[in-house]
N, C-alpha and C. Protein backbone atom coordinates (compact mmCIF):
# COMPACT_ATOMS: atom_id res chain seq x y z
N MET A 1 -1.81 17.80 -10.23
CA MET A 1 -2.20 18.22 -8.90
C MET A 1 -3.66 18.67 -8.94
N PHE A 2 -4.41 18.26 -7.97
CA PHE A 2 -5.84 18.57 -7.96
C PHE A 2 -6.13 19.64 -6.92
N SER A 3 -7.08 20.51 -7.26
CA SER A 3 -7.45 21.61 -6.38
C SER A 3 -8.43 21.12 -5.31
N THR A 4 -8.74 22.04 -4.38
CA THR A 4 -9.72 21.70 -3.35
C THR A 4 -11.09 21.45 -3.98
N ARG A 5 -11.39 22.10 -5.09
CA ARG A 5 -12.69 21.88 -5.75
C ARG A 5 -12.88 20.40 -6.09
N GLY A 6 -11.88 19.82 -6.72
CA GLY A 6 -11.97 18.41 -7.09
C GLY A 6 -11.99 17.49 -5.88
N ARG A 7 -11.12 17.77 -4.94
CA ARG A 7 -11.04 16.93 -3.74
C ARG A 7 -12.32 17.02 -2.91
N TYR A 8 -12.83 18.24 -2.73
CA TYR A 8 -14.05 18.40 -1.94
C TYR A 8 -15.26 17.82 -2.66
N ALA A 9 -15.29 17.89 -3.97
CA ALA A 9 -16.39 17.28 -4.73
C ALA A 9 -16.44 15.78 -4.46
N ILE A 10 -15.28 15.14 -4.45
CA ILE A 10 -15.23 13.71 -4.15
C ILE A 10 -15.72 13.46 -2.73
N ARG A 11 -15.32 14.31 -1.80
CA ARG A 11 -15.78 14.15 -0.41
C ARG A 11 -17.29 14.31 -0.30
N VAL A 12 -17.87 15.25 -1.03
CA VAL A 12 -19.33 15.43 -1.03
C VAL A 12 -20.01 14.18 -1.58
N MET A 13 -19.47 13.66 -2.67
CA MET A 13 -20.06 12.47 -3.28
C MET A 13 -19.97 11.28 -2.33
N ILE A 14 -18.84 11.12 -1.66
CA ILE A 14 -18.69 10.03 -0.67
C ILE A 14 -19.70 10.21 0.45
N ASP A 15 -19.83 11.43 0.95
CA ASP A 15 -20.76 11.72 2.04
C ASP A 15 -22.19 11.36 1.63
N LEU A 16 -22.59 11.79 0.43
CA LEU A 16 -23.95 11.48 -0.04
C LEU A 16 -24.14 9.97 -0.19
N ALA A 17 -23.12 9.29 -0.70
CA ALA A 17 -23.22 7.83 -0.85
C ALA A 17 -23.32 7.14 0.50
N GLN A 18 -22.61 7.63 1.49
CA GLN A 18 -22.63 7.01 2.82
C GLN A 18 -23.99 7.17 3.49
N GLN A 19 -24.73 8.20 3.13
CA GLN A 19 -26.05 8.40 3.74
C GLN A 19 -27.03 7.35 3.26
N ASN A 20 -26.76 6.79 2.06
CA ASN A 20 -27.58 5.70 1.51
C ASN A 20 -29.07 6.01 1.63
N SER A 21 -29.44 7.19 1.14
CA SER A 21 -30.81 7.65 1.30
C SER A 21 -31.34 8.21 -0.01
N ASP A 22 -32.66 8.03 -0.21
CA ASP A 22 -33.32 8.66 -1.35
C ASP A 22 -33.77 10.08 -1.00
N GLU A 23 -33.58 10.44 0.26
CA GLU A 23 -33.95 11.78 0.72
C GLU A 23 -32.84 12.77 0.37
N PHE A 24 -33.20 14.04 0.27
CA PHE A 24 -32.21 15.08 0.04
C PHE A 24 -31.46 15.34 1.35
N ILE A 25 -30.16 15.46 1.26
CA ILE A 25 -29.31 15.68 2.43
C ILE A 25 -28.94 17.16 2.47
N PRO A 26 -29.26 17.86 3.57
CA PRO A 26 -28.92 19.29 3.66
C PRO A 26 -27.41 19.52 3.54
N LEU A 27 -27.06 20.55 2.78
CA LEU A 27 -25.66 20.88 2.56
C LEU A 27 -24.97 21.26 3.87
N LYS A 28 -25.71 21.87 4.78
CA LYS A 28 -25.10 22.25 6.07
C LYS A 28 -24.63 21.01 6.83
N ASP A 29 -25.37 19.91 6.70
CA ASP A 29 -24.97 18.66 7.37
C ASP A 29 -23.70 18.10 6.73
N ILE A 30 -23.64 18.14 5.41
CA ILE A 30 -22.45 17.66 4.70
C ILE A 30 -21.25 18.52 5.09
N ALA A 31 -21.45 19.84 5.10
CA ALA A 31 -20.36 20.77 5.45
C ALA A 31 -19.83 20.49 6.85
N GLU A 32 -20.73 20.22 7.79
CA GLU A 32 -20.30 19.92 9.16
C GLU A 32 -19.51 18.62 9.22
N ARG A 33 -20.04 17.59 8.58
CA ARG A 33 -19.34 16.29 8.61
C ARG A 33 -17.99 16.35 7.92
N GLN A 34 -17.90 17.13 6.87
CA GLN A 34 -16.66 17.20 6.08
C GLN A 34 -15.73 18.32 6.55
N ASP A 35 -16.18 19.11 7.51
CA ASP A 35 -15.39 20.22 8.04
C ASP A 35 -14.93 21.16 6.93
N VAL A 36 -15.91 21.55 6.09
CA VAL A 36 -15.67 22.44 4.96
C VAL A 36 -16.72 23.54 5.00
N SER A 37 -16.35 24.73 4.57
CA SER A 37 -17.27 25.86 4.54
C SER A 37 -18.50 25.55 3.69
N LYS A 38 -19.68 25.82 4.25
CA LYS A 38 -20.93 25.62 3.51
C LYS A 38 -20.96 26.49 2.27
N LYS A 39 -20.48 27.71 2.37
CA LYS A 39 -20.46 28.63 1.23
C LYS A 39 -19.65 28.04 0.08
N TYR A 40 -18.49 27.48 0.40
CA TYR A 40 -17.65 26.89 -0.63
C TYR A 40 -18.32 25.66 -1.24
N LEU A 41 -18.95 24.84 -0.39
CA LEU A 41 -19.65 23.66 -0.90
C LEU A 41 -20.84 24.03 -1.76
N GLU A 42 -21.45 25.19 -1.52
CA GLU A 42 -22.56 25.63 -2.37
C GLU A 42 -22.10 25.82 -3.81
N ILE A 43 -20.94 26.39 -3.98
CA ILE A 43 -20.37 26.61 -5.31
C ILE A 43 -20.08 25.27 -5.98
N ILE A 44 -19.48 24.37 -5.24
CA ILE A 44 -19.12 23.05 -5.76
C ILE A 44 -20.37 22.25 -6.10
N ALA A 45 -21.35 22.25 -5.19
CA ALA A 45 -22.58 21.49 -5.40
C ALA A 45 -23.34 22.01 -6.62
N LYS A 46 -23.38 23.30 -6.81
CA LYS A 46 -24.07 23.88 -7.97
C LYS A 46 -23.45 23.36 -9.26
N GLU A 47 -22.13 23.32 -9.30
CA GLU A 47 -21.44 22.82 -10.50
C GLU A 47 -21.71 21.33 -10.71
N MET A 48 -21.79 20.58 -9.62
CA MET A 48 -22.07 19.15 -9.74
C MET A 48 -23.51 18.90 -10.21
N VAL A 49 -24.44 19.75 -9.80
CA VAL A 49 -25.82 19.65 -10.29
C VAL A 49 -25.85 19.94 -11.79
N LEU A 50 -25.19 21.03 -12.19
CA LEU A 50 -25.15 21.38 -13.62
C LEU A 50 -24.48 20.29 -14.44
N GLY A 51 -23.52 19.59 -13.86
CA GLY A 51 -22.81 18.52 -14.54
C GLY A 51 -23.55 17.18 -14.50
N GLY A 52 -24.67 17.13 -13.80
CA GLY A 52 -25.48 15.93 -13.77
C GLY A 52 -25.04 14.85 -12.79
N LEU A 53 -24.15 15.20 -11.87
CA LEU A 53 -23.69 14.20 -10.89
C LEU A 53 -24.65 14.05 -9.72
N ILE A 54 -25.25 15.16 -9.30
CA ILE A 54 -26.17 15.13 -8.17
C ILE A 54 -27.42 15.93 -8.52
N GLN A 55 -28.43 15.76 -7.70
CA GLN A 55 -29.68 16.50 -7.84
C GLN A 55 -29.85 17.37 -6.61
N GLY A 56 -30.33 18.57 -6.82
CA GLY A 56 -30.55 19.48 -5.71
C GLY A 56 -31.99 19.89 -5.60
N ALA A 57 -32.39 20.24 -4.39
CA ALA A 57 -33.75 20.74 -4.14
C ALA A 57 -33.66 21.80 -3.06
N SER A 58 -34.42 22.86 -3.23
CA SER A 58 -34.43 23.92 -2.21
C SER A 58 -35.67 23.78 -1.34
N GLY A 59 -35.69 24.54 -0.27
CA GLY A 59 -36.83 24.51 0.62
C GLY A 59 -36.56 23.76 1.90
N LYS A 60 -37.64 23.57 2.65
CA LYS A 60 -37.54 22.98 3.98
C LYS A 60 -36.87 21.61 3.97
N HIS A 61 -37.22 20.76 3.03
CA HIS A 61 -36.64 19.42 2.97
C HIS A 61 -35.64 19.31 1.82
N GLY A 62 -35.01 20.42 1.53
CA GLY A 62 -34.08 20.47 0.41
C GLY A 62 -32.70 19.95 0.77
N GLY A 63 -31.87 19.93 -0.23
CA GLY A 63 -30.50 19.45 -0.08
C GLY A 63 -30.05 18.83 -1.37
N TYR A 64 -29.24 17.78 -1.25
CA TYR A 64 -28.66 17.14 -2.42
C TYR A 64 -28.71 15.63 -2.27
N LYS A 65 -28.76 14.95 -3.40
CA LYS A 65 -28.68 13.49 -3.39
C LYS A 65 -28.06 13.03 -4.71
N LEU A 66 -27.56 11.80 -4.68
CA LEU A 66 -26.99 11.21 -5.88
C LEU A 66 -28.09 10.92 -6.89
N VAL A 67 -27.76 10.96 -8.17
CA VAL A 67 -28.74 10.61 -9.20
C VAL A 67 -28.55 9.17 -9.69
N ARG A 68 -27.41 8.57 -9.32
CA ARG A 68 -27.13 7.19 -9.70
C ARG A 68 -26.62 6.44 -8.47
N LYS A 69 -26.45 5.17 -8.60
CA LYS A 69 -25.88 4.35 -7.53
C LYS A 69 -24.38 4.63 -7.44
N PRO A 70 -23.79 4.53 -6.25
CA PRO A 70 -22.36 4.81 -6.09
C PRO A 70 -21.46 4.02 -7.04
N GLU A 71 -21.82 2.79 -7.34
CA GLU A 71 -20.99 1.99 -8.23
C GLU A 71 -21.07 2.43 -9.70
N GLU A 72 -21.98 3.35 -9.99
CA GLU A 72 -22.13 3.85 -11.36
C GLU A 72 -21.36 5.15 -11.61
N TYR A 73 -20.70 5.66 -10.58
CA TYR A 73 -19.88 6.87 -10.72
C TYR A 73 -18.41 6.48 -10.75
N SER A 74 -17.66 7.05 -11.68
CA SER A 74 -16.21 6.87 -11.64
C SER A 74 -15.62 8.13 -11.01
N ILE A 75 -14.52 7.95 -10.31
CA ILE A 75 -13.83 9.10 -9.72
C ILE A 75 -13.32 10.02 -10.84
N GLY A 76 -12.94 9.43 -11.95
CA GLY A 76 -12.47 10.21 -13.09
C GLY A 76 -13.49 11.21 -13.58
N GLU A 77 -14.76 10.82 -13.65
CA GLU A 77 -15.77 11.75 -14.14
C GLU A 77 -15.97 12.91 -13.16
N ILE A 78 -15.85 12.64 -11.88
CA ILE A 78 -15.98 13.70 -10.88
C ILE A 78 -14.82 14.67 -11.01
N ILE A 79 -13.61 14.13 -11.11
CA ILE A 79 -12.42 14.98 -11.23
C ILE A 79 -12.49 15.82 -12.49
N GLU A 80 -12.83 15.20 -13.63
CA GLU A 80 -12.83 15.97 -14.88
C GLU A 80 -13.93 17.04 -14.89
N LEU A 81 -15.07 16.77 -14.26
CA LEU A 81 -16.10 17.81 -14.18
C LEU A 81 -15.58 19.01 -13.40
N MET A 82 -14.92 18.75 -12.29
CA MET A 82 -14.50 19.83 -11.41
C MET A 82 -13.17 20.47 -11.80
N GLU A 83 -12.27 19.69 -12.39
CA GLU A 83 -10.92 20.17 -12.68
C GLU A 83 -10.67 20.43 -14.16
N GLY A 84 -11.50 19.87 -15.02
CA GLY A 84 -11.22 19.94 -16.45
C GLY A 84 -10.44 18.71 -16.86
N THR A 85 -9.95 18.74 -18.07
CA THR A 85 -9.26 17.57 -18.62
C THR A 85 -8.06 17.14 -17.78
N MET A 86 -7.81 15.85 -17.80
CA MET A 86 -6.62 15.31 -17.12
C MET A 86 -5.45 15.22 -18.09
N ALA A 87 -5.66 15.61 -19.34
CA ALA A 87 -4.59 15.50 -20.33
C ALA A 87 -3.37 16.30 -19.87
N PRO A 88 -2.21 15.67 -19.84
CA PRO A 88 -1.01 16.36 -19.35
C PRO A 88 -0.44 17.38 -20.33
N VAL A 89 -0.80 17.26 -21.61
CA VAL A 89 -0.36 18.21 -22.62
C VAL A 89 -1.53 18.53 -23.54
N ALA A 90 -1.54 19.72 -24.09
CA ALA A 90 -2.66 20.20 -24.90
C ALA A 90 -2.98 19.30 -26.09
N CYS A 91 -1.96 18.69 -26.68
CA CYS A 91 -2.20 17.89 -27.88
C CYS A 91 -2.98 16.60 -27.60
N LEU A 92 -3.15 16.23 -26.34
CA LEU A 92 -3.91 15.03 -25.99
C LEU A 92 -5.33 15.35 -25.50
N GLU A 93 -5.68 16.61 -25.41
CA GLU A 93 -7.02 16.99 -24.99
C GLU A 93 -8.03 16.58 -26.05
N ASP A 94 -9.27 16.33 -25.62
CA ASP A 94 -10.33 16.04 -26.57
C ASP A 94 -10.45 17.21 -27.54
N ASN A 95 -10.67 16.91 -28.79
CA ASN A 95 -10.84 17.92 -29.84
C ASN A 95 -9.61 18.80 -30.05
N ALA A 96 -8.45 18.32 -29.67
CA ALA A 96 -7.21 19.09 -29.90
C ALA A 96 -6.92 19.10 -31.40
N THR A 97 -6.38 20.21 -31.85
CA THR A 97 -5.97 20.27 -33.26
C THR A 97 -4.71 19.44 -33.42
N ASP A 98 -4.51 18.93 -34.61
CA ASP A 98 -3.32 18.12 -34.88
C ASP A 98 -2.07 18.96 -34.68
N CYS A 99 -1.14 18.42 -33.94
CA CYS A 99 0.12 19.11 -33.67
C CYS A 99 1.06 18.87 -34.85
N PRO A 100 1.61 19.93 -35.40
CA PRO A 100 2.52 19.76 -36.54
C PRO A 100 3.81 19.03 -36.16
N ARG A 101 4.12 18.96 -34.88
CA ARG A 101 5.33 18.29 -34.41
C ARG A 101 5.10 16.84 -33.97
N ALA A 102 3.87 16.37 -34.04
CA ALA A 102 3.53 15.05 -33.49
C ALA A 102 4.42 13.93 -34.01
N GLU A 103 4.71 13.92 -35.29
CA GLU A 103 5.50 12.82 -35.87
C GLU A 103 6.95 12.83 -35.41
N LYS A 104 7.47 13.99 -35.05
CA LYS A 104 8.87 14.04 -34.62
C LYS A 104 9.02 14.35 -33.13
N CYS A 105 7.90 14.38 -32.40
CA CYS A 105 7.94 14.67 -30.97
C CYS A 105 8.48 13.47 -30.21
N ARG A 106 9.56 13.65 -29.52
CA ARG A 106 10.18 12.55 -28.77
C ARG A 106 9.51 12.31 -27.42
N THR A 107 8.66 13.23 -26.98
CA THR A 107 8.02 13.05 -25.66
C THR A 107 6.57 12.62 -25.76
N LEU A 108 5.97 12.65 -26.93
CA LEU A 108 4.54 12.36 -27.07
C LEU A 108 4.18 10.97 -26.55
N SER A 109 4.98 9.97 -26.84
CA SER A 109 4.65 8.62 -26.38
C SER A 109 4.66 8.54 -24.85
N MET A 110 5.56 9.29 -24.22
CA MET A 110 5.61 9.32 -22.76
C MET A 110 4.33 9.95 -22.20
N TRP A 111 3.91 11.09 -22.79
CA TRP A 111 2.71 11.75 -22.32
C TRP A 111 1.48 10.88 -22.55
N LYS A 112 1.42 10.18 -23.67
CA LYS A 112 0.30 9.28 -23.94
C LYS A 112 0.25 8.15 -22.91
N GLU A 113 1.40 7.59 -22.60
CA GLU A 113 1.45 6.52 -21.62
C GLU A 113 1.00 7.01 -20.24
N PHE A 114 1.49 8.18 -19.84
CA PHE A 114 1.09 8.75 -18.55
C PHE A 114 -0.41 9.02 -18.52
N TYR A 115 -0.93 9.61 -19.59
CA TYR A 115 -2.36 9.94 -19.68
C TYR A 115 -3.20 8.66 -19.58
N THR A 116 -2.78 7.61 -20.25
CA THR A 116 -3.51 6.34 -20.20
C THR A 116 -3.50 5.79 -18.77
N LEU A 117 -2.36 5.81 -18.11
CA LEU A 117 -2.27 5.33 -16.73
C LEU A 117 -3.19 6.13 -15.81
N GLU A 118 -3.13 7.44 -15.94
CA GLU A 118 -3.94 8.33 -15.10
C GLU A 118 -5.43 8.10 -15.34
N ARG A 119 -5.86 8.10 -16.59
CA ARG A 119 -7.28 7.90 -16.91
C ARG A 119 -7.75 6.52 -16.45
N ASP A 120 -6.96 5.49 -16.75
CA ASP A 120 -7.35 4.14 -16.35
C ASP A 120 -7.49 4.04 -14.83
N PHE A 121 -6.58 4.69 -14.11
CA PHE A 121 -6.64 4.65 -12.65
C PHE A 121 -7.91 5.33 -12.13
N PHE A 122 -8.13 6.58 -12.50
CA PHE A 122 -9.26 7.32 -11.94
C PHE A 122 -10.61 6.88 -12.50
N TYR A 123 -10.65 6.48 -13.76
CA TYR A 123 -11.91 5.97 -14.31
C TYR A 123 -12.18 4.53 -13.86
N GLY A 124 -11.15 3.84 -13.41
CA GLY A 124 -11.31 2.49 -12.88
C GLY A 124 -11.77 2.47 -11.43
N LYS A 125 -11.60 3.58 -10.74
CA LYS A 125 -12.06 3.71 -9.34
C LYS A 125 -13.50 4.16 -9.34
N LYS A 126 -14.32 3.47 -8.62
CA LYS A 126 -15.73 3.83 -8.50
C LYS A 126 -15.97 4.50 -7.15
N LEU A 127 -16.99 5.32 -7.09
CA LEU A 127 -17.35 5.97 -5.83
C LEU A 127 -17.59 4.91 -4.75
N SER A 128 -18.18 3.81 -5.14
CA SER A 128 -18.45 2.73 -4.17
C SER A 128 -17.18 2.14 -3.59
N ASP A 129 -16.04 2.27 -4.30
CA ASP A 129 -14.77 1.77 -3.76
C ASP A 129 -14.28 2.59 -2.57
N LEU A 130 -14.79 3.80 -2.44
CA LEU A 130 -14.30 4.72 -1.41
C LEU A 130 -15.22 4.82 -0.20
N ILE A 131 -16.32 4.10 -0.23
CA ILE A 131 -17.24 4.17 0.91
C ILE A 131 -17.21 2.89 1.73
């Protein structure tokens, strides 16, 4: 299940992609179009800037813009930046320590299969597919 942070981040990215502009788009405009609190989007946008998904600028002509083309973003990278790992169990997370039960775990193959399906789905979807 994904939180509003992840869902709204995708909406911000779609909005920026739809503007198809090299200019910075004011966050207040995005907030109005997306019917989301500007204050909440400020928190989300800051995290996306720190994660390298978008670029921000302050001042009179400030706002946000994409740093890559929409087809170069996967939905999976947006979700993982905002939500953290998609791994359904701790033993499948990146840099997880070896589980002493892995060889006799009857559910591990199921979790691996689900994780592969989930990652392939979200990393296979591009931002450009949603605009």
